[in-house]
Amino acid sequence: MSVKEWPVSERPREKLQTQGAEYLSDAELLAILLGSGSQGQDVVSFARRLLSNFGGIGALLTATQEQLLACSGIGPARVNQLQVVMELSRRYLKWQLERSDGFTEPSMVKDYLIAQLRHQGREVFAILLLDSQHRLLRYEELFQGTINAAPVYPREVIKLVMQYNAAAVILAHNHPSGVAEPSQADQRVTERVKKALTLIDVALLDHFVVGAGDPISFAERGLL
């Protein structure tokens, strides 16, 4: 049975119009975005299958193009749709952090970093540069590859801090393995960067490690 044959009160688009987006499930919202089903499945069933296959809306939206195309019913056009939604989400979070005291809310920072880093297939070391009100000035991905204690990290961080006249810094990197537990190398790099920033009177507020679950905060762990 197609969605058009469902009772009007159960159709996603009609529910959106009468109740509002917040009352729709992830599958119903995704169904509206996709527009049609696949291989004899109505669009809501198709959306539920996608969410089940990927393990939820977050994993679906941060999946790579190759992972999406490997899923039955998804072609280049639908990959583009999902990529656009994810990019709009990133830009909305960035806009919030730029215009408000977003960094007083750790959950917002974590959401932003998840959107930026969780989908990366390689380890990425990034920096968030903040103004004196702790608003976001710049997000920059500095390096790819395994983190180590090489002095290049403090040098490159200081260069960006001076370029954007930042008053504070947050470090972040991902663990593609999914295990976000900070390593000894992570802690050594953090300490080196912190010491370098202290010399120019710039605060290191935190260092987040992004894995499969909730990002780990060095500040919350007492590691700064």
N, C-alpha and C. Protein backbone atom coordinates (compact mmCIF):
# COMPACT_ATOMS: atom_id res chain seq x y z
N MET A 1 0.84 -1.19 0.00
CA MET A 1 0.00 0.00 0.00
C MET A 1 0.88 1.25 0.00
N SER A 2 0.61 2.17 -0.92
CA SER A 2 1.38 3.41 -0.97
C SER A 2 0.92 4.36 0.13
N VAL A 3 1.75 5.34 0.44
CA VAL A 3 1.41 6.30 1.48
C VAL A 3 0.14 7.06 1.14
N LYS A 4 -0.10 7.28 -0.15
CA LYS A 4 -1.31 8.01 -0.58
C LYS A 4 -2.59 7.28 -0.19
N GLU A 5 -2.49 5.97 0.03
CA GLU A 5 -3.66 5.18 0.42
C GLU A 5 -3.84 5.12 1.93
N TRP A 6 -2.90 5.66 2.68
CA TRP A 6 -3.00 5.67 4.13
C TRP A 6 -4.09 6.66 4.57
N PRO A 7 -4.61 6.50 5.78
CA PRO A 7 -5.50 7.54 6.32
C PRO A 7 -4.78 8.88 6.34
N VAL A 8 -5.49 9.93 6.04
CA VAL A 8 -4.87 11.25 5.93
C VAL A 8 -4.10 11.61 7.19
N SER A 9 -4.62 11.26 8.35
CA SER A 9 -3.99 11.64 9.62
C SER A 9 -2.64 10.95 9.84
N GLU A 10 -2.35 9.88 9.06
CA GLU A 10 -1.10 9.14 9.24
C GLU A 10 -0.06 9.47 8.18
N ARG A 11 -0.42 10.26 7.18
CA ARG A 11 0.53 10.59 6.12
C ARG A 11 1.52 11.64 6.62
N PRO A 12 2.82 11.44 6.39
CA PRO A 12 3.82 12.37 6.93
C PRO A 12 3.61 13.83 6.52
N ARG A 13 3.33 14.09 5.26
CA ARG A 13 3.17 15.49 4.83
C ARG A 13 1.98 16.15 5.50
N GLU A 14 0.88 15.40 5.61
CA GLU A 14 -0.31 15.96 6.26
C GLU A 14 -0.06 16.18 7.75
N LYS A 15 0.66 15.24 8.39
CA LYS A 15 1.01 15.42 9.80
C LYS A 15 1.90 16.63 9.99
N LEU A 16 2.81 16.85 9.05
CA LEU A 16 3.69 18.02 9.12
C LEU A 16 2.87 19.30 9.08
N GLN A 17 1.88 19.34 8.21
CA GLN A 17 1.07 20.55 8.05
C GLN A 17 0.14 20.80 9.23
N THR A 18 -0.39 19.73 9.81
CA THR A 18 -1.37 19.90 10.88
C THR A 18 -0.77 19.91 12.29
N GLN A 19 0.37 19.21 12.47
CA GLN A 19 0.93 19.07 13.82
C GLN A 19 2.28 19.76 14.00
N GLY A 20 3.03 19.92 12.91
CA GLY A 20 4.36 20.51 13.01
C GLY A 20 5.45 19.46 12.94
N ALA A 21 6.63 19.88 12.50
CA ALA A 21 7.74 18.94 12.26
C ALA A 21 8.18 18.22 13.52
N GLU A 22 8.07 18.89 14.67
CA GLU A 22 8.58 18.29 15.91
C GLU A 22 7.79 17.04 16.32
N TYR A 23 6.60 16.85 15.75
CA TYR A 23 5.77 15.69 16.10
C TYR A 23 5.99 14.51 15.17
N LEU A 24 6.83 14.66 14.18
CA LEU A 24 7.11 13.57 13.25
C LEU A 24 8.32 12.76 13.71
N SER A 25 8.30 11.48 13.43
CA SER A 25 9.44 10.62 13.75
C SER A 25 10.57 10.87 12.76
N ASP A 26 11.75 10.35 13.08
CA ASP A 26 12.88 10.47 12.15
C ASP A 26 12.53 9.87 10.79
N ALA A 27 11.85 8.72 10.82
CA ALA A 27 11.49 8.05 9.56
C ALA A 27 10.51 8.90 8.76
N GLU A 28 9.57 9.53 9.41
CA GLU A 28 8.60 10.36 8.70
C GLU A 28 9.26 11.60 8.10
N LEU A 29 10.16 12.23 8.84
CA LEU A 29 10.88 13.38 8.30
C LEU A 29 11.74 12.97 7.11
N LEU A 30 12.43 11.85 7.25
CA LEU A 30 13.28 11.36 6.16
C LEU A 30 12.44 11.01 4.95
N ALA A 31 11.25 10.45 5.17
CA ALA A 31 10.36 10.09 4.07
C ALA A 31 9.94 11.32 3.27
N ILE A 32 9.67 12.41 3.96
CA ILE A 32 9.31 13.65 3.27
C ILE A 32 10.48 14.14 2.42
N LEU A 33 11.68 14.04 2.96
CA LEU A 33 12.87 14.46 2.21
C LEU A 33 13.08 13.60 0.97
N LEU A 34 12.94 12.29 1.11
CA LEU A 34 13.21 11.37 0.00
C LEU A 34 12.13 11.43 -1.07
N GLY A 35 10.88 11.58 -0.65
CA GLY A 35 9.80 11.77 -1.61
C GLY A 35 9.17 10.50 -2.13
N SER A 36 9.93 9.44 -2.32
CA SER A 36 9.38 8.19 -2.85
C SER A 36 10.15 7.01 -2.28
N GLY A 37 9.52 5.83 -2.36
CA GLY A 37 10.13 4.64 -1.81
C GLY A 37 11.05 3.94 -2.79
N SER A 38 11.23 2.63 -2.56
CA SER A 38 12.16 1.88 -3.40
C SER A 38 11.81 0.41 -3.39
N GLN A 39 11.88 -0.22 -4.55
CA GLN A 39 11.72 -1.67 -4.70
C GLN A 39 10.48 -2.21 -3.98
N GLY A 40 9.34 -1.63 -4.29
CA GLY A 40 8.10 -2.11 -3.73
C GLY A 40 7.81 -1.64 -2.32
N GLN A 41 8.71 -0.87 -1.73
CA GLN A 41 8.50 -0.33 -0.38
C GLN A 41 7.93 1.07 -0.48
N ASP A 42 6.95 1.37 0.39
CA ASP A 42 6.51 2.76 0.47
C ASP A 42 7.63 3.59 1.08
N VAL A 43 7.52 4.89 0.94
CA VAL A 43 8.63 5.76 1.32
C VAL A 43 8.93 5.73 2.82
N VAL A 44 7.91 5.55 3.65
CA VAL A 44 8.15 5.49 5.10
C VAL A 44 8.88 4.20 5.47
N SER A 45 8.46 3.09 4.87
CA SER A 45 9.15 1.82 5.12
C SER A 45 10.60 1.88 4.64
N PHE A 46 10.79 2.52 3.49
CA PHE A 46 12.14 2.69 2.96
C PHE A 46 12.99 3.53 3.91
N ALA A 47 12.41 4.60 4.43
CA ALA A 47 13.13 5.45 5.38
C ALA A 47 13.48 4.68 6.65
N ARG A 48 12.55 3.86 7.13
CA ARG A 48 12.82 3.05 8.32
C ARG A 48 13.95 2.06 8.07
N ARG A 49 13.97 1.48 6.86
CA ARG A 49 15.04 0.54 6.53
C ARG A 49 16.40 1.22 6.51
N LEU A 50 16.44 2.42 5.95
CA LEU A 50 17.71 3.16 5.92
C LEU A 50 18.19 3.47 7.33
N LEU A 51 17.29 3.93 8.17
CA LEU A 51 17.67 4.26 9.55
C LEU A 51 18.13 3.02 10.30
N SER A 52 17.47 1.90 10.06
CA SER A 52 17.87 0.65 10.71
C SER A 52 19.23 0.18 10.22
N ASN A 53 19.44 0.26 8.90
CA ASN A 53 20.71 -0.20 8.32
C ASN A 53 21.90 0.60 8.83
N PHE A 54 21.69 1.91 8.98
CA PHE A 54 22.80 2.78 9.37
C PHE A 54 22.90 2.98 10.88
N GLY A 55 21.85 2.63 11.60
CA GLY A 55 21.89 2.77 13.05
C GLY A 55 21.41 4.11 13.56
N GLY A 56 20.54 4.78 12.79
CA GLY A 56 19.98 6.05 13.25
C GLY A 56 20.25 7.19 12.31
N ILE A 57 19.59 8.31 12.59
CA ILE A 57 19.67 9.47 11.69
C ILE A 57 21.06 10.08 11.67
N GLY A 58 21.74 10.11 12.81
CA GLY A 58 23.08 10.70 12.84
C GLY A 58 24.06 9.93 11.98
N ALA A 59 24.04 8.60 12.11
CA ALA A 59 24.95 7.78 11.31
C ALA A 59 24.62 7.86 9.83
N LEU A 60 23.34 7.98 9.50
CA LEU A 60 22.94 8.10 8.10
C LEU A 60 23.46 9.40 7.50
N LEU A 61 23.27 10.50 8.21
CA LEU A 61 23.66 11.80 7.67
C LEU A 61 25.17 12.00 7.63
N THR A 62 25.90 11.27 8.43
CA THR A 62 27.36 11.42 8.42
C THR A 62 28.05 10.29 7.65
N ALA A 63 27.27 9.44 7.00
CA ALA A 63 27.85 8.36 6.20
C ALA A 63 28.57 8.93 4.99
N THR A 64 29.57 8.20 4.52
CA THR A 64 30.29 8.63 3.33
C THR A 64 29.46 8.35 2.08
N GLN A 65 29.84 8.97 0.99
CA GLN A 65 29.15 8.75 -0.27
C GLN A 65 29.19 7.27 -0.67
N GLU A 66 30.32 6.63 -0.47
CA GLU A 66 30.47 5.22 -0.81
C GLU A 66 29.53 4.35 0.02
N GLN A 67 29.41 4.65 1.31
CA GLN A 67 28.51 3.89 2.18
C GLN A 67 27.06 4.06 1.75
N LEU A 68 26.68 5.27 1.39
CA LEU A 68 25.31 5.52 0.97
C LEU A 68 24.98 4.82 -0.34
N LEU A 69 25.89 4.91 -1.30
CA LEU A 69 25.64 4.30 -2.62
C LEU A 69 25.59 2.78 -2.54
N ALA A 70 26.20 2.21 -1.52
CA ALA A 70 26.18 0.75 -1.35
C ALA A 70 24.83 0.26 -0.83
N CYS A 71 23.96 1.18 -0.43
CA CYS A 71 22.66 0.82 0.12
C CYS A 71 21.62 0.78 -1.00
N SER A 72 20.88 -0.29 -1.08
CA SER A 72 19.86 -0.45 -2.11
C SER A 72 18.83 0.68 -2.03
N GLY A 73 18.56 1.29 -3.19
CA GLY A 73 17.56 2.36 -3.24
C GLY A 73 18.13 3.75 -3.18
N ILE A 74 19.45 3.86 -2.96
CA ILE A 74 20.09 5.18 -2.90
C ILE A 74 21.01 5.36 -4.10
N GLY A 75 20.73 6.39 -4.88
CA GLY A 75 21.57 6.75 -6.01
C GLY A 75 22.20 8.11 -5.78
N PRO A 76 22.91 8.64 -6.77
CA PRO A 76 23.59 9.93 -6.61
C PRO A 76 22.67 11.07 -6.20
N ALA A 77 21.45 11.11 -6.72
CA ALA A 77 20.53 12.21 -6.39
C ALA A 77 20.17 12.19 -4.90
N ARG A 78 19.92 11.01 -4.36
CA ARG A 78 19.57 10.91 -2.95
C ARG A 78 20.79 11.15 -2.06
N VAL A 79 21.95 10.74 -2.51
CA VAL A 79 23.17 11.07 -1.78
C VAL A 79 23.30 12.58 -1.67
N ASN A 80 23.06 13.28 -2.76
CA ASN A 80 23.14 14.74 -2.75
C ASN A 80 22.14 15.35 -1.78
N GLN A 81 20.92 14.80 -1.74
CA GLN A 81 19.91 15.30 -0.81
C GLN A 81 20.40 15.20 0.63
N LEU A 82 20.93 14.05 1.00
CA LEU A 82 21.39 13.83 2.37
C LEU A 82 22.61 14.69 2.69
N GLN A 83 23.49 14.87 1.71
CA GLN A 83 24.67 15.71 1.92
C GLN A 83 24.26 17.17 2.15
N VAL A 84 23.25 17.63 1.43
CA VAL A 84 22.77 19.00 1.60
C VAL A 84 22.19 19.20 3.00
N VAL A 85 21.41 18.23 3.47
CA VAL A 85 20.84 18.33 4.82
C VAL A 85 21.95 18.41 5.86
N MET A 86 22.98 17.57 5.71
CA MET A 86 24.08 17.56 6.67
C MET A 86 24.84 18.87 6.64
N GLU A 87 25.09 19.38 5.46
CA GLU A 87 25.84 20.64 5.35
C GLU A 87 25.04 21.80 5.93
N LEU A 88 23.73 21.82 5.70
CA LEU A 88 22.89 22.86 6.30
C LEU A 88 22.92 22.76 7.83
N SER A 89 22.94 21.54 8.36
CA SER A 89 23.03 21.36 9.81
C SER A 89 24.34 21.93 10.35
N ARG A 90 25.44 21.63 9.65
CA ARG A 90 26.74 22.16 10.07
C ARG A 90 26.73 23.68 10.06
N ARG A 91 26.18 24.27 9.01
CA ARG A 91 26.19 25.73 8.90
C ARG A 91 25.28 26.37 9.94
N TYR A 92 24.18 25.70 10.28
CA TYR A 92 23.30 26.23 11.32
C TYR A 92 24.02 26.23 12.67
N LEU A 93 24.69 25.12 12.99
CA LEU A 93 25.43 25.06 14.26
C LEU A 93 26.54 26.10 14.30
N LYS A 94 27.24 26.27 13.19
CA LYS A 94 28.30 27.28 13.11
C LYS A 94 27.71 28.68 13.31
N TRP A 95 26.58 28.94 12.70
CA TRP A 95 25.91 30.25 12.84
C TRP A 95 25.54 30.50 14.29
N GLN A 96 25.01 29.47 14.97
CA GLN A 96 24.66 29.62 16.38
C GLN A 96 25.89 29.96 17.22
N LEU A 97 26.99 29.27 16.95
CA LEU A 97 28.19 29.48 17.75
C LEU A 97 28.84 30.82 17.47
N GLU A 98 28.64 31.35 16.28
CA GLU A 98 29.21 32.64 15.93
C GLU A 98 28.42 33.81 16.51
N ARG A 99 27.13 33.64 16.66
CA ARG A 99 26.28 34.77 17.06
C ARG A 99 25.93 34.78 18.54
N SER A 100 26.20 33.71 19.26
CA SER A 100 25.77 33.64 20.65
C SER A 100 26.90 33.12 21.51
N ASP A 101 26.62 33.01 22.79
CA ASP A 101 27.59 32.43 23.72
C ASP A 101 27.49 30.90 23.67
N GLY A 102 27.61 30.37 22.46
CA GLY A 102 27.42 28.94 22.26
C GLY A 102 28.39 28.07 23.02
N PHE A 103 29.57 28.57 23.27
CA PHE A 103 30.57 27.75 23.94
C PHE A 103 30.39 27.71 25.45
N THR A 104 29.33 28.35 25.94
CA THR A 104 28.95 28.14 27.33
C THR A 104 28.09 26.89 27.44
N GLU A 105 27.70 26.31 26.30
CA GLU A 105 26.90 25.09 26.26
C GLU A 105 27.74 23.97 25.65
N PRO A 106 28.37 23.15 26.46
CA PRO A 106 29.23 22.08 25.92
C PRO A 106 28.51 21.17 24.93
N SER A 107 27.21 20.95 25.14
CA SER A 107 26.49 20.06 24.25
C SER A 107 26.45 20.61 22.83
N MET A 108 26.36 21.93 22.68
CA MET A 108 26.34 22.54 21.36
C MET A 108 27.69 22.37 20.66
N VAL A 109 28.76 22.54 21.42
CA VAL A 109 30.10 22.35 20.86
C VAL A 109 30.28 20.90 20.43
N LYS A 110 29.83 19.98 21.26
CA LYS A 110 29.95 18.56 20.92
C LYS A 110 29.16 18.23 19.66
N ASP A 111 27.95 18.77 19.54
CA ASP A 111 27.15 18.53 18.34
C ASP A 111 27.86 19.05 17.10
N TYR A 112 28.45 20.22 17.23
CA TYR A 112 29.16 20.82 16.09
C TYR A 112 30.35 19.94 15.69
N LEU A 113 31.10 19.48 16.67
CA LEU A 113 32.28 18.66 16.38
C LEU A 113 31.91 17.29 15.84
N ILE A 114 30.82 16.73 16.32
CA ILE A 114 30.33 15.46 15.76
C ILE A 114 30.03 15.62 14.28
N ALA A 115 29.34 16.73 13.94
CA ALA A 115 29.00 16.98 12.54
C ALA A 115 30.24 17.17 11.68
N GLN A 116 31.28 17.77 12.26
CA GLN A 116 32.49 18.04 11.50
C GLN A 116 33.41 16.82 11.38
N LEU A 117 33.48 16.01 12.42
CA LEU A 117 34.56 15.02 12.50
C LEU A 117 34.15 13.56 12.49
N ARG A 118 32.94 13.25 12.92
CA ARG A 118 32.61 11.83 13.08
C ARG A 118 32.64 11.06 11.76
N HIS A 119 32.29 11.70 10.67
CA HIS A 119 32.23 11.02 9.38
C HIS A 119 33.60 10.83 8.73
N GLN A 120 34.63 11.46 9.29
CA GLN A 120 35.96 11.41 8.67
C GLN A 120 36.54 10.00 8.77
N GLY A 121 37.07 9.51 7.66
CA GLY A 121 37.64 8.17 7.63
C GLY A 121 39.05 8.10 8.18
N ARG A 122 39.72 9.26 8.28
CA ARG A 122 41.07 9.32 8.84
C ARG A 122 41.06 10.22 10.07
N GLU A 123 42.08 10.07 10.89
CA GLU A 123 42.19 10.93 12.07
C GLU A 123 42.50 12.35 11.63
N VAL A 124 41.72 13.29 12.14
CA VAL A 124 41.86 14.71 11.78
C VAL A 124 42.05 15.53 13.05
N PHE A 125 43.04 16.40 13.05
CA PHE A 125 43.31 17.30 14.17
C PHE A 125 42.81 18.69 13.79
N ALA A 126 41.90 19.24 14.59
CA ALA A 126 41.26 20.52 14.25
C ALA A 126 41.37 21.50 15.40
N ILE A 127 41.17 22.77 15.08
CA ILE A 127 41.22 23.83 16.08
C ILE A 127 40.03 24.76 15.89
N LEU A 128 39.45 25.19 17.00
CA LEU A 128 38.40 26.19 16.99
C LEU A 128 38.96 27.45 17.64
N LEU A 129 38.97 28.53 16.90
CA LEU A 129 39.48 29.81 17.39
C LEU A 129 38.32 30.66 17.86
N LEU A 130 38.45 31.21 19.07
CA LEU A 130 37.36 31.96 19.69
C LEU A 130 37.78 33.38 19.99
N ASP A 131 36.78 34.28 20.02
CA ASP A 131 37.07 35.66 20.40
C ASP A 131 37.01 35.79 21.92
N SER A 132 37.09 37.02 22.42
CA SER A 132 37.12 37.23 23.87
C SER A 132 35.80 36.88 24.54
N GLN A 133 34.72 36.80 23.75
CA GLN A 133 33.41 36.39 24.28
C GLN A 133 33.16 34.90 24.06
N HIS A 134 34.19 34.20 23.60
CA HIS A 134 34.13 32.76 23.32
C HIS A 134 33.16 32.42 22.20
N ARG A 135 33.04 33.34 21.25
CA ARG A 135 32.28 33.07 20.03
C ARG A 135 33.24 32.55 18.96
N LEU A 136 32.71 31.73 18.08
CA LEU A 136 33.56 31.08 17.08
C LEU A 136 34.03 32.07 16.02
N LEU A 137 35.35 32.14 15.86
CA LEU A 137 35.95 32.94 14.79
C LEU A 137 36.27 32.08 13.57
N ARG A 138 36.77 30.87 13.85
CA ARG A 138 37.26 30.04 12.75
C ARG A 138 37.37 28.59 13.20
N TYR A 139 36.94 27.69 12.33
CA TYR A 139 37.19 26.25 12.50
C TYR A 139 38.17 25.84 11.42
N GLU A 140 39.25 25.20 11.82
CA GLU A 140 40.29 24.85 10.86
C GLU A 140 40.78 23.42 11.12
N GLU A 141 40.81 22.61 10.07
CA GLU A 141 41.39 21.27 10.17
C GLU A 141 42.86 21.37 9.79
N LEU A 142 43.73 21.11 10.77
CA LEU A 142 45.16 21.35 10.58
C LEU A 142 45.90 20.17 9.98
N PHE A 143 45.61 18.96 10.48
CA PHE A 143 46.39 17.80 10.06
C PHE A 143 45.50 16.58 9.91
N GLN A 144 45.95 15.66 9.07
CA GLN A 144 45.34 14.34 8.98
C GLN A 144 46.40 13.30 9.30
N GLY A 145 45.98 12.25 9.97
CA GLY A 145 46.92 11.21 10.35
C GLY A 145 47.03 11.09 11.85
N THR A 146 47.77 10.12 12.31
CA THR A 146 47.88 9.84 13.75
C THR A 146 48.52 11.00 14.49
N ILE A 147 47.91 11.39 15.59
CA ILE A 147 48.45 12.46 16.42
C ILE A 147 49.73 11.98 17.12
N ASN A 148 50.70 12.87 17.18
CA ASN A 148 51.90 12.59 17.97
C ASN A 148 52.33 13.89 18.65
N ALA A 149 53.46 13.86 19.31
CA ALA A 149 53.90 15.02 20.09
C ALA A 149 54.83 15.93 19.31
N ALA A 150 54.81 15.87 18.02
CA ALA A 150 55.71 16.69 17.20
C ALA A 150 55.48 18.18 17.44
N PRO A 151 56.54 18.98 17.46
CA PRO A 151 56.42 20.41 17.75
C PRO A 151 55.66 21.19 16.68
N VAL A 152 55.39 20.57 15.52
CA VAL A 152 54.66 21.26 14.47
C VAL A 152 53.27 21.68 14.96
N TYR A 153 52.67 20.94 15.87
CA TYR A 153 51.33 21.27 16.34
C TYR A 153 51.29 22.63 17.04
N PRO A 154 52.10 22.86 18.07
CA PRO A 154 52.10 24.18 18.70
C PRO A 154 52.41 25.30 17.72
N ARG A 155 53.36 25.08 16.83
CA ARG A 155 53.75 26.12 15.89
C ARG A 155 52.59 26.51 14.97
N GLU A 156 51.90 25.52 14.42
CA GLU A 156 50.79 25.81 13.52
C GLU A 156 49.60 26.42 14.26
N VAL A 157 49.37 25.97 15.48
CA VAL A 157 48.28 26.54 16.28
C VAL A 157 48.55 28.01 16.57
N ILE A 158 49.77 28.33 16.99
CA ILE A 158 50.12 29.72 17.29
C ILE A 158 49.98 30.59 16.05
N LYS A 159 50.38 30.07 14.91
CA LYS A 159 50.27 30.82 13.66
C LYS A 159 48.82 31.22 13.38
N LEU A 160 47.89 30.29 13.57
CA LEU A 160 46.47 30.59 13.33
C LEU A 160 45.91 31.53 14.39
N VAL A 161 46.31 31.34 15.63
CA VAL A 161 45.86 32.23 16.71
C VAL A 161 46.24 33.67 16.41
N MET A 162 47.46 33.88 15.97
CA MET A 162 47.92 35.23 15.65
C MET A 162 47.21 35.78 14.41
N GLN A 163 46.98 34.92 13.43
CA GLN A 163 46.33 35.36 12.19
C GLN A 163 44.92 35.87 12.44
N TYR A 164 44.18 35.20 13.33
CA TYR A 164 42.79 35.57 13.58
C TYR A 164 42.61 36.33 14.89
N ASN A 165 43.70 36.66 15.56
CA ASN A 165 43.65 37.41 16.81
C ASN A 165 42.71 36.74 17.81
N ALA A 166 42.84 35.45 17.95
CA ALA A 166 41.96 34.69 18.84
C ALA A 166 42.34 34.90 20.29
N ALA A 167 41.33 34.86 21.15
CA ALA A 167 41.56 35.01 22.59
C ALA A 167 41.55 33.67 23.32
N ALA A 168 40.99 32.66 22.69
CA ALA A 168 40.91 31.33 23.30
C ALA A 168 40.84 30.27 22.21
N VAL A 169 41.13 29.05 22.61
CA VAL A 169 41.23 27.95 21.64
C VAL A 169 40.58 26.69 22.20
N ILE A 170 39.94 25.94 21.32
CA ILE A 170 39.51 24.58 21.64
C ILE A 170 40.13 23.65 20.60
N LEU A 171 40.75 22.58 21.06
CA LEU A 171 41.30 21.57 20.16
C LEU A 171 40.30 20.43 20.00
N ALA A 172 40.39 19.74 18.89
CA ALA A 172 39.51 18.59 18.67
C ALA A 172 40.16 17.64 17.67
N HIS A 173 39.94 16.37 17.86
CA HIS A 173 40.31 15.40 16.84
C HIS A 173 39.41 14.18 16.97
N ASN A 174 39.39 13.38 15.93
CA ASN A 174 38.53 12.21 15.91
C ASN A 174 39.34 10.93 16.02
N HIS A 175 38.68 9.88 16.49
CA HIS A 175 39.24 8.53 16.48
C HIS A 175 38.35 7.70 15.56
N PRO A 176 38.76 7.45 14.31
CA PRO A 176 37.93 6.69 13.37
C PRO A 176 37.56 5.30 13.87
N SER A 177 38.33 4.76 14.79
CA SER A 177 38.02 3.44 15.36
C SER A 177 36.71 3.46 16.14
N GLY A 178 36.27 4.67 16.54
CA GLY A 178 35.04 4.80 17.32
C GLY A 178 35.29 4.91 18.81
N VAL A 179 36.49 4.54 19.25
CA VAL A 179 36.83 4.60 20.68
C VAL A 179 37.42 5.98 20.98
N ALA A 180 36.71 6.77 21.77
CA ALA A 180 37.10 8.17 21.98
C ALA A 180 38.06 8.37 23.15
N GLU A 181 38.47 7.31 23.80
CA GLU A 181 39.34 7.45 24.97
C GLU A 181 40.66 8.13 24.59
N PRO A 182 41.04 9.22 25.28
CA PRO A 182 42.29 9.93 24.96
C PRO A 182 43.51 9.04 25.17
N SER A 183 44.43 9.11 24.22
CA SER A 183 45.67 8.34 24.33
C SER A 183 46.74 9.17 25.03
N GLN A 184 47.85 8.53 25.36
CA GLN A 184 48.98 9.26 25.94
C GLN A 184 49.50 10.31 24.96
N ALA A 185 49.52 9.97 23.67
CA ALA A 185 49.96 10.94 22.66
C ALA A 185 49.02 12.14 22.61
N ASP A 186 47.72 11.90 22.73
CA ASP A 186 46.74 13.00 22.76
C ASP A 186 47.06 13.94 23.92
N GLN A 187 47.35 13.37 25.07
CA GLN A 187 47.62 14.19 26.25
C GLN A 187 48.93 14.96 26.11
N ARG A 188 49.93 14.34 25.50
CA ARG A 188 51.21 15.04 25.31
C ARG A 188 51.06 16.23 24.36
N VAL A 189 50.35 16.02 23.26
CA VAL A 189 50.13 17.12 22.31
C VAL A 189 49.35 18.25 22.98
N THR A 190 48.33 17.89 23.74
CA THR A 190 47.52 18.90 24.43
C THR A 190 48.38 19.74 25.37
N GLU A 191 49.25 19.09 26.12
CA GLU A 191 50.11 19.79 27.07
C GLU A 191 51.08 20.72 26.34
N ARG A 192 51.62 20.28 25.22
CA ARG A 192 52.55 21.12 24.45
C ARG A 192 51.84 22.35 23.90
N VAL A 193 50.64 22.16 23.37
CA VAL A 193 49.88 23.29 22.83
C VAL A 193 49.50 24.25 23.95
N LYS A 194 49.08 23.71 25.08
CA LYS A 194 48.70 24.56 26.22
C LYS A 194 49.86 25.43 26.67
N LYS A 195 51.05 24.85 26.78
CA LYS A 195 52.23 25.61 27.21
C LYS A 195 52.56 26.71 26.20
N ALA A 196 52.45 26.40 24.92
CA ALA A 196 52.74 27.39 23.89
C ALA A 196 51.74 28.54 23.93
N LEU A 197 50.46 28.23 24.15
CA LEU A 197 49.43 29.27 24.21
C LEU A 197 49.60 30.14 25.45
N THR A 198 50.05 29.55 26.54
CA THR A 198 50.27 30.32 27.77
C THR A 198 51.28 31.43 27.55
N LEU A 199 52.26 31.19 26.70
CA LEU A 199 53.30 32.19 26.43
C LEU A 199 52.76 33.44 25.75
N ILE A 200 51.63 33.30 25.04
CA ILE A 200 51.03 34.47 24.38
C ILE A 200 49.70 34.86 25.02
N ASP A 201 49.47 34.35 26.23
CA ASP A 201 48.29 34.71 27.03
C ASP A 201 46.98 34.36 26.33
N VAL A 202 46.93 33.18 25.74
CA VAL A 202 45.71 32.67 25.11
C VAL A 202 45.31 31.39 25.84
N ALA A 203 44.03 31.28 26.17
CA ALA A 203 43.55 30.15 26.97
C ALA A 203 43.21 28.95 26.08
N LEU A 204 43.61 27.78 26.53
CA LEU A 204 43.14 26.53 25.93
C LEU A 204 41.96 26.06 26.78
N LEU A 205 40.75 26.16 26.23
CA LEU A 205 39.55 25.86 27.00
C LEU A 205 39.27 24.37 27.11
N ASP A 206 39.57 23.63 26.04
CA ASP A 206 39.25 22.21 26.07
C ASP A 206 39.90 21.51 24.88
N HIS A 207 39.89 20.21 24.94
CA HIS A 207 40.29 19.36 23.83
C HIS A 207 39.28 18.21 23.79
N PHE A 208 38.56 18.09 22.68
CA PHE A 208 37.54 17.06 22.54
C PHE A 208 38.05 15.94 21.63
N VAL A 209 37.73 14.71 22.02
CA VAL A 209 38.02 13.55 21.17
C VAL A 209 36.68 12.98 20.71
N VAL A 210 36.49 12.92 19.40
CA VAL A 210 35.21 12.49 18.82
C VAL A 210 35.32 11.04 18.37
N GLY A 211 34.45 10.20 18.92
CA GLY A 211 34.38 8.80 18.51
C GLY A 211 32.95 8.42 18.18
N ALA A 212 32.57 7.20 18.51
CA ALA A 212 31.24 6.73 18.17
C ALA A 212 30.17 7.23 19.13
N GLY A 213 30.54 7.49 20.37
CA GLY A 213 29.57 7.95 21.35
C GLY A 213 29.69 9.44 21.62
N ASP A 214 29.43 9.82 22.86
CA ASP A 214 29.55 11.23 23.24
C ASP A 214 31.02 11.63 23.22
N PRO A 215 31.37 12.76 22.60
CA PRO A 215 32.77 13.19 22.59
C PRO A 215 33.34 13.33 24.01
N ILE A 216 34.60 12.96 24.16
CA ILE A 216 35.29 13.06 25.45
C ILE A 216 35.91 14.44 25.58
N SER A 217 35.66 15.09 26.72
CA SER A 217 36.20 16.42 27.01
C SER A 217 37.38 16.30 27.97
N PHE A 218 38.53 16.85 27.58
CA PHE A 218 39.69 16.88 28.47
C PHE A 218 39.37 17.68 29.73
N ALA A 219 38.64 18.79 29.57
CA ALA A 219 38.31 19.64 30.72
C ALA A 219 37.45 18.88 31.72
N GLU A 220 36.45 18.16 31.22
CA GLU A 220 35.57 17.40 32.10
C GLU A 220 36.32 16.26 32.78
N ARG A 221 37.34 15.74 32.12
CA ARG A 221 38.14 14.65 32.70
C ARG A 221 39.23 15.17 33.64
N GLY A 222 39.40 16.50 33.71
CA GLY A 222 40.46 17.05 34.53
C GLY A 222 41.84 16.87 33.94
N LEU A 223 41.93 16.81 32.62
CA LEU A 223 43.21 16.57 31.94
C LEU A 223 43.87 17.84 31.44
N LEU A 224 43.26 19.00 31.68
CA LEU A 224 43.87 20.26 31.25
C LEU A 224 44.58 20.92 32.43
